Amino acid sequence: MKTPLRVTVEEVEKNFDFIFSLVERGETILIEAPKGNVMMVPVNSAYSRLEEEKAAEYMPMGPMAPIPGVTLPSDADVRSYVDETLNELNGDL
């Protein structure tokens, strides 16, 4: 395995198109960020298509059967939570 190219968040922001083209050519990029590092890694598109097809074979059709003892929130509760969280995040910006 090749050693990843190490760059900062600022370098990626300034040179995203170039960095992306490197990943498209097979390079792995390690982005060093204050809250944790992130990697940009090329993925063989044929491999990912095969994995998606394999996963689709096991995906249930229609709504999932309930799991005994597990209660999921309603769609309205989820939407309310998402709206509240987004409002808080927007306030932080």
C-alpha atoms as a PDB file:
ATOM      1  CA  MET A   1       0.000   0.000   0.000  1.00  0.00           C
ATOM      2  CA  LYS A   2       1.289   3.431  -0.912  1.00  0.00           C
ATOM      3  CA  THR A   3       1.742   6.036   1.777  1.00  0.00           C
ATOM      4  CA  PRO A   4      -1.149   8.548   1.716  1.00  0.00           C
ATOM      5  CA  LEU A   5      -0.454  12.143   0.762  1.00  0.00           C
ATOM      6  CA  ARG A   6      -0.939  14.321   3.844  1.00  0.00           C
ATOM      7  CA  VAL A   7      -2.666  17.684   3.410  1.00  0.00           C
ATOM      8  CA  THR A   8      -4.439  20.181   5.653  1.00  0.00           C
ATOM      9  CA  VAL A   9      -8.072  21.220   5.415  1.00  0.00           C
ATOM     10  CA  GLU A  10      -6.969  24.611   4.085  1.00  0.00           C
ATOM     11  CA  GLU A  11      -4.931  22.985   1.312  1.00  0.00           C
ATOM     12  CA  VAL A  12      -7.921  20.871   0.284  1.00  0.00           C
ATOM     13  CA  GLU A  13     -10.222  23.908   0.284  1.00  0.00           C
ATOM     14  CA  LYS A  14      -7.847  25.851  -1.967  1.00  0.00           C
ATOM     15  CA  ASN A  15      -7.014  22.950  -4.304  1.00  0.00           C
ATOM     16  CA  PHE A  16     -10.046  20.667  -4.202  1.00  0.00           C
ATOM     17  CA  ASP A  17     -10.205  19.982  -7.949  1.00  0.00           C
ATOM     18  CA  PHE A  18      -6.521  19.039  -8.040  1.00  0.00           C
ATOM     19  CA  ILE A  19      -6.793  16.859  -4.908  1.00  0.00           C
ATOM     20  CA  PHE A  20      -9.878  15.162  -6.341  1.00  0.00           C
ATOM     21  CA  SER A  21      -8.071  14.432  -9.610  1.00  0.00           C
ATOM     22  CA  LEU A  22      -5.256  12.792  -7.612  1.00  0.00           C
ATOM     23  CA  VAL A  23      -7.789  10.531  -5.890  1.00  0.00           C
ATOM     24  CA  GLU A  24      -9.349   9.686  -9.259  1.00  0.00           C
ATOM     25  CA  ARG A  25      -5.884   8.583 -10.405  1.00  0.00           C
ATOM     26  CA  GLY A  26      -5.525   6.214  -7.447  1.00  0.00           C
ATOM     27  CA  GLU A  27      -3.843   8.334  -4.761  1.00  0.00           C
ATOM     28  CA  THR A  28      -5.023   8.196  -1.157  1.00  0.00           C
ATOM     29  CA  ILE A  29      -5.234  11.570   0.584  1.00  0.00           C
ATOM     30  CA  LEU A  30      -5.064  11.990   4.367  1.00  0.00           C
ATOM     31  CA  ILE A  31      -6.643  15.283   5.391  1.00  0.00           C
ATOM     32  CA  GLU A  32      -5.359  16.437   8.768  1.00  0.00           C
ATOM     33  CA  ALA A  33      -8.146  18.278  10.559  1.00  0.00           C
ATOM     34  CA  PRO A  34      -8.363  19.703  14.089  1.00  0.00           C
ATOM     35  CA  LYS A  35     -11.295  17.460  15.071  1.00  0.00           C
ATOM     36  CA  GLY A  36      -9.882  14.305  13.467  1.00  0.00           C
ATOM     37  CA  ASN A  37      -8.283  13.149  10.275  1.00  0.00           C
ATOM     38  CA  VAL A  38     -10.238  12.201   7.153  1.00  0.00           C
ATOM     39  CA  MET A  39      -9.196  10.089   4.189  1.00  0.00           C
ATOM     40  CA  MET A  40     -10.149  10.423   0.550  1.00  0.00           C
ATOM     41  CA  VAL A  41      -9.706   6.989  -0.979  1.00  0.00           C
ATOM     42  CA  PRO A  42     -10.362   5.812  -4.531  1.00  0.00           C
ATOM     43  CA  VAL A  43     -12.929   3.030  -4.843  1.00  0.00           C
ATOM     44  CA  ASN A  44     -13.098   0.703  -7.803  1.00  0.00           C
ATOM     45  CA  SER A  45     -16.489   1.460  -9.344  1.00  0.00           C
ATOM     46  CA  ALA A  46     -16.942  -2.134 -10.573  1.00  0.00           C
ATOM     47  CA  TYR A  47     -16.400  -3.376  -7.030  1.00  0.00           C
ATOM     48  CA  SER A  48     -18.898  -0.942  -5.546  1.00  0.00           C
ATOM     49  CA  ARG A  49     -21.525  -1.859  -8.175  1.00  0.00           C
ATOM     50  CA  LEU A  50     -21.089  -5.545  -7.358  1.00  0.00           C
ATOM     51  CA  GLU A  51     -21.429  -4.824  -3.660  1.00  0.00           C
ATOM     52  CA  GLU A  52     -24.589  -2.791  -4.270  1.00  0.00           C
ATOM     53  CA  GLU A  53     -26.093  -5.603  -6.336  1.00  0.00           C
ATOM     54  CA  LYS A  54     -25.203  -8.150  -3.669  1.00  0.00           C
ATOM     55  CA  ALA A  55     -26.692  -5.941  -0.935  1.00  0.00           C
ATOM     56  CA  ALA A  56     -29.860  -5.426  -2.989  1.00  0.00           C
ATOM     57  CA  GLU A  57     -30.440  -9.198  -2.958  1.00  0.00           C
ATOM     58  CA  TYR A  58     -30.731  -9.103   0.814  1.00  0.00           C
ATOM     59  CA  MET A  59     -32.713  -5.886   1.110  1.00  0.00           C
ATOM     60  CA  PRO A  60     -36.274  -6.546   2.218  1.00  0.00           C
ATOM     61  CA  MET A  61     -38.961  -5.266  -0.086  1.00  0.00           C
ATOM     62  CA  GLY A  62     -41.546  -3.001   1.507  1.00  0.00           C
ATOM     63  CA  PRO A  63     -41.601  -1.834   5.122  1.00  0.00           C
ATOM     64  CA  MET A  64     -39.424  -3.653   7.607  1.00  0.00           C
ATOM     65  CA  ALA A  65     -41.071  -6.018  10.053  1.00  0.00           C
ATOM     66  CA  PRO A  66     -41.191  -4.690  13.614  1.00  0.00           C
ATOM     67  CA  ILE A  67     -38.536  -5.941  16.000  1.00  0.00           C
ATOM     68  CA  PRO A  68     -39.966  -7.163  19.306  1.00  0.00           C
ATOM     69  CA  GLY A  69     -39.078  -4.813  22.150  1.00  0.00           C
ATOM     70  CA  VAL A  70     -37.882  -2.000  19.858  1.00  0.00           C
ATOM     71  CA  THR A  71     -39.985   1.132  19.498  1.00  0.00           C
ATOM     72  CA  LEU A  72     -38.977   3.551  16.771  1.00  0.00           C
ATOM     73  CA  PRO A  73     -40.004   7.223  16.741  1.00  0.00           C
ATOM     74  CA  SER A  74     -42.728   8.292  14.357  1.00  0.00           C
ATOM     75  CA  ASP A  75     -41.897  10.140  11.133  1.00  0.00           C
ATOM     76  CA  ALA A  76     -43.262  13.342  12.706  1.00  0.00           C
ATOM     77  CA  ASP A  77     -40.973  12.947  15.747  1.00  0.00           C
ATOM     78  CA  VAL A  78     -37.958  12.371  13.520  1.00  0.00           C
ATOM     79  CA  ARG A  79     -38.821  15.406  11.369  1.00  0.00           C
ATOM     80  CA  SER A  80     -39.257  17.547  14.499  1.00  0.00           C
ATOM     81  CA  TYR A  81     -35.877  16.407  15.851  1.00  0.00           C
ATOM     82  CA  VAL A  82     -34.149  17.125  12.540  1.00  0.00           C
ATOM     83  CA  ASP A  83     -35.715  20.596  12.320  1.00  0.00           C
ATOM     84  CA  GLU A  84     -34.690  21.446  15.897  1.00  0.00           C
ATOM     85  CA  THR A  85     -31.141  20.188  15.374  1.00  0.00           C
ATOM     86  CA  LEU A  86     -30.744  22.085  12.104  1.00  0.00           C
ATOM     87  CA  ASN A  87     -32.000  25.273  13.738  1.00  0.00           C
ATOM     88  CA  GLU A  88     -29.455  24.845  16.542  1.00  0.00           C
ATOM     89  CA  LEU A  89     -26.645  24.213  14.080  1.00  0.00           C
ATOM     90  CA  ASN A  90     -27.628  27.205  11.974  1.00  0.00           C
ATOM     91  CA  GLY A  91     -27.593  29.305  15.136  1.00  0.00           C
ATOM     92  CA  ASP A  92     -24.038  28.132  15.852  1.00  0.00           C
ATOM     93  CA  LEU A  93     -22.877  29.309  12.426  1.00  0.00           C
END
